């Protein structure tokens, strides 16, 4: 099932790219981000915030974590010693747009962030 796949994904993300990180950001406060974050939190991932571009979501919370605007990410990122971001947006065409935004911020795919959807 999709749920079991996400459970396994969270398990291996925590043993790989998220190992030793002091903050996890999830880009995407929609369905995919919500589902993935559930499993990350169950495994004690240091999830600190969601990032989204939807003005209806920004300023709210998801799983008791703030949903911040993409423009706020640099300030939040700077608060941590070793942060990481997971892109969890399942919409067609979203990955190249997110990739471009993160590259503008100087974040490196496969080092600072991973696509997880």
N, C-alpha and C. Protein backbone atom coordinates (compact mmCIF):
# COMPACT_ATOMS: atom_id res chain seq x y z
N UNK A 1 0.84 -1.19 0.00
CA UNK A 1 0.00 0.00 0.00
C UNK A 1 0.89 1.25 0.00
N UNK A 2 0.30 2.35 -0.36
CA UNK A 2 1.03 3.63 -0.34
C UNK A 2 1.50 3.94 1.07
N UNK A 3 0.65 3.65 2.04
CA UNK A 3 1.00 3.94 3.44
C UNK A 3 2.22 3.14 3.88
N UNK A 4 2.28 1.88 3.52
CA UNK A 4 3.44 1.06 3.87
C UNK A 4 4.69 1.54 3.14
N UNK A 5 4.53 1.97 1.90
CA UNK A 5 5.65 2.50 1.14
C UNK A 5 6.21 3.76 1.82
N UNK A 6 5.33 4.65 2.26
CA UNK A 6 5.77 5.86 2.96
C UNK A 6 6.43 5.53 4.30
N UNK A 7 5.91 4.53 4.97
CA UNK A 7 6.51 4.09 6.24
C UNK A 7 7.94 3.61 6.00
N UNK A 8 8.13 2.81 4.96
CA UNK A 8 9.47 2.32 4.62
C UNK A 8 10.37 3.47 4.17
N UNK A 9 9.83 4.39 3.40
CA UNK A 9 10.60 5.53 2.93
C UNK A 9 11.11 6.35 4.12
N UNK A 10 10.23 6.62 5.08
CA UNK A 10 10.62 7.38 6.27
C UNK A 10 11.72 6.64 7.04
N UNK A 11 11.56 5.35 7.17
CA UNK A 11 12.55 4.52 7.87
C UNK A 11 13.93 4.69 7.25
N UNK A 12 14.01 4.57 5.93
CA UNK A 12 15.32 4.64 5.26
C UNK A 12 15.84 6.07 5.12
N UNK A 13 14.95 7.03 5.03
CA UNK A 13 15.41 8.42 5.02
C UNK A 13 16.11 8.76 6.34
N UNK A 14 15.56 8.28 7.45
CA UNK A 14 16.17 8.56 8.75
C UNK A 14 17.51 7.87 8.94
N UNK A 15 17.73 6.80 8.25
CA UNK A 15 19.00 6.09 8.35
C UNK A 15 20.01 6.55 7.30
N UNK A 16 19.55 7.35 6.37
CA UNK A 16 20.41 7.86 5.30
C UNK A 16 20.51 9.38 5.35
N UNK A 17 19.81 10.07 4.45
CA UNK A 17 19.93 11.52 4.33
C UNK A 17 19.59 12.33 5.58
N UNK A 18 18.74 11.80 6.45
CA UNK A 18 18.34 12.55 7.64
C UNK A 18 19.20 12.24 8.87
N UNK A 19 20.07 11.26 8.76
CA UNK A 19 20.90 10.87 9.90
C UNK A 19 21.81 12.02 10.32
N UNK A 20 21.78 12.34 11.61
CA UNK A 20 22.63 13.39 12.15
C UNK A 20 22.12 14.80 11.90
N UNK A 21 20.94 14.95 11.34
CA UNK A 21 20.39 16.28 11.07
C UNK A 21 19.68 16.81 12.31
N UNK A 22 19.78 18.12 12.51
CA UNK A 22 19.12 18.70 13.67
C UNK A 22 17.80 19.37 13.32
N UNK A 23 17.45 19.42 12.03
CA UNK A 23 16.19 20.00 11.61
C UNK A 23 15.79 19.43 10.26
N UNK A 24 14.51 19.08 10.16
CA UNK A 24 13.95 18.61 8.90
C UNK A 24 12.82 19.55 8.51
N UNK A 25 12.89 20.04 7.27
CA UNK A 25 11.82 20.83 6.68
C UNK A 25 11.15 19.96 5.63
N UNK A 26 9.84 20.02 5.54
CA UNK A 26 9.10 19.32 4.50
C UNK A 26 8.47 20.36 3.60
N UNK A 27 8.90 20.37 2.33
CA UNK A 27 8.28 21.29 1.37
C UNK A 27 7.03 20.60 0.86
N UNK A 28 5.90 21.13 1.23
CA UNK A 28 4.61 20.58 0.83
C UNK A 28 3.77 20.27 2.05
N UNK A 29 2.78 21.12 2.30
CA UNK A 29 1.89 20.90 3.44
C UNK A 29 0.57 20.27 2.99
N UNK A 30 0.57 19.73 1.78
CA UNK A 30 -0.62 19.07 1.26
C UNK A 30 -0.65 17.61 1.67
N UNK A 31 -1.37 16.83 0.89
CA UNK A 31 -1.60 15.42 1.24
C UNK A 31 -0.30 14.63 1.36
N UNK A 32 0.59 14.75 0.39
CA UNK A 32 1.82 13.96 0.42
C UNK A 32 2.72 14.36 1.61
N UNK A 33 2.88 15.65 1.84
CA UNK A 33 3.68 16.11 2.97
C UNK A 33 3.08 15.68 4.29
N UNK A 34 1.78 15.73 4.38
CA UNK A 34 1.09 15.32 5.60
C UNK A 34 1.31 13.83 5.86
N UNK A 35 1.18 13.03 4.83
CA UNK A 35 1.32 11.58 4.99
C UNK A 35 2.76 11.19 5.33
N UNK A 36 3.72 11.77 4.62
CA UNK A 36 5.12 11.45 4.91
C UNK A 36 5.52 11.93 6.30
N UNK A 37 5.09 13.13 6.66
CA UNK A 37 5.48 13.69 7.97
C UNK A 37 4.97 12.84 9.12
N UNK A 38 3.82 12.21 8.95
CA UNK A 38 3.28 11.34 10.00
C UNK A 38 4.29 10.25 10.35
N UNK A 39 4.85 9.63 9.33
CA UNK A 39 5.80 8.55 9.56
C UNK A 39 7.14 9.07 10.06
N UNK A 40 7.56 10.22 9.58
CA UNK A 40 8.81 10.82 10.06
C UNK A 40 8.70 11.12 11.56
N UNK A 41 7.59 11.72 11.96
CA UNK A 41 7.41 12.07 13.36
C UNK A 41 7.29 10.84 14.25
N UNK A 42 6.66 9.80 13.76
CA UNK A 42 6.57 8.56 14.54
C UNK A 42 7.94 7.97 14.82
N UNK A 43 8.90 8.28 13.93
CA UNK A 43 10.27 7.78 14.09
C UNK A 43 11.19 8.84 14.72
N UNK A 44 10.59 9.88 15.29
CA UNK A 44 11.31 10.94 16.01
C UNK A 44 12.21 11.79 15.13
N UNK A 45 11.84 12.01 13.89
CA UNK A 45 12.60 12.94 13.04
C UNK A 45 12.44 14.35 13.61
N UNK A 46 13.48 15.17 13.54
CA UNK A 46 13.41 16.53 14.08
C UNK A 46 12.71 17.49 13.11
N UNK A 47 11.46 17.21 12.81
CA UNK A 47 10.68 18.05 11.90
C UNK A 47 10.39 19.38 12.57
N UNK A 48 10.76 20.48 11.89
CA UNK A 48 10.58 21.80 12.50
C UNK A 48 9.53 22.64 11.80
N UNK A 49 9.33 22.42 10.48
CA UNK A 49 8.35 23.24 9.76
C UNK A 49 8.05 22.65 8.40
N UNK A 50 6.91 23.07 7.87
CA UNK A 50 6.54 22.78 6.49
C UNK A 50 6.75 24.06 5.69
N UNK A 51 7.08 23.90 4.43
CA UNK A 51 7.23 25.03 3.51
C UNK A 51 6.16 24.86 2.44
N UNK A 52 5.47 25.94 2.10
CA UNK A 52 4.45 25.86 1.07
C UNK A 52 4.34 27.21 0.36
N UNK A 53 3.73 27.16 -0.83
CA UNK A 53 3.52 28.40 -1.59
C UNK A 53 2.05 28.82 -1.60
N UNK A 54 1.18 27.99 -1.05
CA UNK A 54 -0.25 28.27 -1.02
C UNK A 54 -0.55 29.26 0.10
N UNK A 55 -0.98 30.48 -0.24
CA UNK A 55 -1.24 31.48 0.80
C UNK A 55 -2.31 31.06 1.80
N UNK A 56 -3.18 30.12 1.42
CA UNK A 56 -4.21 29.64 2.35
C UNK A 56 -3.63 28.75 3.43
N UNK A 57 -2.46 28.16 3.19
CA UNK A 57 -1.83 27.28 4.16
C UNK A 57 -0.80 28.01 5.03
N UNK A 58 -0.12 28.98 4.43
CA UNK A 58 0.94 29.70 5.15
C UNK A 58 0.38 30.40 6.38
N UNK A 59 1.09 30.23 7.50
CA UNK A 59 0.65 30.82 8.76
C UNK A 59 -0.16 29.85 9.61
N UNK A 60 -0.54 28.74 9.02
CA UNK A 60 -1.27 27.71 9.76
C UNK A 60 -0.28 26.69 10.30
N UNK A 61 -0.79 25.59 10.80
CA UNK A 61 0.08 24.51 11.27
C UNK A 61 -0.37 23.20 10.65
N UNK A 62 0.56 22.28 10.61
CA UNK A 62 0.30 20.90 10.17
C UNK A 62 1.08 20.04 11.15
N UNK A 63 0.41 19.12 11.79
CA UNK A 63 1.04 18.26 12.80
C UNK A 63 1.78 19.09 13.88
N UNK A 64 1.15 20.19 14.24
CA UNK A 64 1.66 21.11 15.27
C UNK A 64 2.96 21.81 14.88
N UNK A 65 3.27 21.81 13.61
CA UNK A 65 4.46 22.50 13.10
C UNK A 65 4.00 23.64 12.20
N UNK A 66 4.71 24.77 12.20
CA UNK A 66 4.28 25.90 11.38
C UNK A 66 4.44 25.62 9.89
N UNK A 67 3.56 26.21 9.12
CA UNK A 67 3.67 26.20 7.66
C UNK A 67 4.18 27.58 7.27
N UNK A 68 5.39 27.60 6.72
CA UNK A 68 6.03 28.87 6.38
C UNK A 68 6.05 29.07 4.86
N UNK A 69 6.20 30.31 4.45
CA UNK A 69 6.33 30.64 3.03
C UNK A 69 7.74 30.30 2.57
N UNK A 70 7.89 30.02 1.30
CA UNK A 70 9.21 29.72 0.74
C UNK A 70 10.19 30.86 1.01
N UNK A 71 9.70 32.07 1.02
CA UNK A 71 10.57 33.23 1.27
C UNK A 71 11.12 33.25 2.69
N UNK A 72 10.48 32.57 3.60
CA UNK A 72 10.92 32.51 5.00
C UNK A 72 11.98 31.44 5.23
N UNK A 73 12.13 30.53 4.29
CA UNK A 73 13.02 29.39 4.49
C UNK A 73 14.46 29.79 4.84
N UNK A 74 15.08 30.77 4.16
CA UNK A 74 16.46 31.10 4.51
C UNK A 74 16.64 31.50 5.99
N UNK A 75 15.71 32.27 6.53
CA UNK A 75 15.81 32.67 7.94
C UNK A 75 15.67 31.47 8.86
N UNK A 76 14.73 30.60 8.55
CA UNK A 76 14.55 29.40 9.37
C UNK A 76 15.75 28.48 9.22
N UNK A 77 16.24 28.31 8.03
CA UNK A 77 17.38 27.41 7.74
C UNK A 77 18.59 27.83 8.57
N UNK A 78 18.81 29.12 8.68
CA UNK A 78 19.98 29.65 9.38
C UNK A 78 19.95 29.39 10.89
N UNK A 79 18.82 29.01 11.41
CA UNK A 79 18.70 28.74 12.86
C UNK A 79 19.34 27.42 13.27
N UNK A 80 19.65 26.57 12.31
CA UNK A 80 20.10 25.22 12.61
C UNK A 80 21.50 24.96 12.08
N UNK A 81 22.18 24.06 12.74
CA UNK A 81 23.56 23.71 12.38
C UNK A 81 23.60 22.80 11.15
N UNK A 82 22.67 21.84 11.06
CA UNK A 82 22.73 20.84 10.01
C UNK A 82 21.32 20.47 9.51
N UNK A 83 20.62 21.43 8.90
CA UNK A 83 19.25 21.17 8.45
C UNK A 83 19.20 20.41 7.13
N UNK A 84 18.03 19.88 6.84
CA UNK A 84 17.78 19.19 5.58
C UNK A 84 16.32 19.45 5.18
N UNK A 85 16.06 19.39 3.89
CA UNK A 85 14.71 19.59 3.40
C UNK A 85 14.29 18.40 2.54
N UNK A 86 13.05 17.98 2.72
CA UNK A 86 12.46 16.94 1.88
C UNK A 86 11.33 17.58 1.08
N UNK A 87 11.37 17.43 -0.22
CA UNK A 87 10.29 17.89 -1.08
C UNK A 87 9.26 16.78 -1.14
N UNK A 88 8.04 17.08 -0.71
CA UNK A 88 6.98 16.07 -0.67
C UNK A 88 5.73 16.62 -1.34
N UNK A 89 5.87 16.97 -2.62
CA UNK A 89 4.76 17.49 -3.40
C UNK A 89 4.54 16.54 -4.57
N UNK A 90 3.35 15.99 -4.65
CA UNK A 90 3.07 15.01 -5.68
C UNK A 90 2.50 15.58 -6.97
N UNK A 91 2.28 16.87 -7.02
CA UNK A 91 1.68 17.48 -8.22
C UNK A 91 2.62 17.41 -9.40
N UNK A 92 2.07 17.08 -10.55
CA UNK A 92 2.86 17.01 -11.79
C UNK A 92 3.47 18.38 -12.07
N UNK A 93 4.76 18.39 -12.34
CA UNK A 93 5.46 19.62 -12.67
C UNK A 93 5.99 20.40 -11.49
N UNK A 94 5.68 19.96 -10.27
CA UNK A 94 6.11 20.71 -9.09
C UNK A 94 7.61 20.56 -8.82
N UNK A 95 8.17 19.39 -9.09
CA UNK A 95 9.57 19.13 -8.74
C UNK A 95 10.53 20.12 -9.42
N UNK A 96 10.41 20.40 -10.72
CA UNK A 96 11.34 21.37 -11.33
C UNK A 96 11.19 22.77 -10.74
N UNK A 97 9.98 23.15 -10.37
CA UNK A 97 9.78 24.48 -9.77
C UNK A 97 10.41 24.56 -8.39
N UNK A 98 10.24 23.51 -7.60
CA UNK A 98 10.85 23.47 -6.26
C UNK A 98 12.37 23.43 -6.41
N UNK A 99 12.86 22.62 -7.33
CA UNK A 99 14.31 22.52 -7.56
C UNK A 99 14.89 23.90 -7.89
N UNK A 100 14.23 24.65 -8.75
CA UNK A 100 14.71 25.98 -9.13
C UNK A 100 14.73 26.92 -7.92
N UNK A 101 13.69 26.88 -7.10
CA UNK A 101 13.65 27.75 -5.90
C UNK A 101 14.78 27.41 -4.94
N UNK A 102 15.01 26.11 -4.74
CA UNK A 102 16.05 25.70 -3.80
C UNK A 102 17.44 26.00 -4.35
N UNK A 103 17.62 25.89 -5.65
CA UNK A 103 18.90 26.26 -6.25
C UNK A 103 19.16 27.75 -6.09
N UNK A 104 18.12 28.56 -6.23
CA UNK A 104 18.26 30.01 -6.01
C UNK A 104 18.75 30.31 -4.59
N UNK A 105 18.36 29.46 -3.64
CA UNK A 105 18.78 29.64 -2.24
C UNK A 105 20.16 29.04 -1.97
N UNK A 106 20.73 28.41 -2.99
CA UNK A 106 22.06 27.83 -2.83
C UNK A 106 22.04 26.44 -2.21
N UNK A 107 20.87 25.82 -2.14
CA UNK A 107 20.78 24.48 -1.57
C UNK A 107 21.08 23.44 -2.65
N UNK A 108 21.80 22.42 -2.28
CA UNK A 108 22.29 21.41 -3.22
C UNK A 108 21.47 20.14 -3.08
N UNK A 109 20.90 19.70 -4.20
CA UNK A 109 20.14 18.46 -4.22
C UNK A 109 21.04 17.29 -3.92
N UNK A 110 20.60 16.40 -3.06
CA UNK A 110 21.41 15.24 -2.69
C UNK A 110 22.36 15.53 -1.54
N UNK A 111 22.39 16.77 -1.10
CA UNK A 111 23.23 17.16 0.04
C UNK A 111 22.39 17.92 1.08
N UNK A 112 21.70 18.95 0.62
CA UNK A 112 20.85 19.77 1.49
C UNK A 112 19.39 19.37 1.40
N UNK A 113 19.02 18.78 0.26
CA UNK A 113 17.60 18.44 0.10
C UNK A 113 17.45 17.23 -0.83
N UNK A 114 16.31 16.56 -0.64
CA UNK A 114 15.94 15.38 -1.45
C UNK A 114 14.49 15.47 -1.83
N UNK A 115 14.17 14.99 -3.02
CA UNK A 115 12.77 14.84 -3.44
C UNK A 115 12.28 13.52 -2.86
N UNK A 116 11.20 13.57 -2.10
CA UNK A 116 10.72 12.37 -1.41
C UNK A 116 9.31 12.00 -1.86
N UNK A 117 8.82 12.63 -2.92
CA UNK A 117 7.47 12.31 -3.42
C UNK A 117 7.55 11.94 -4.88
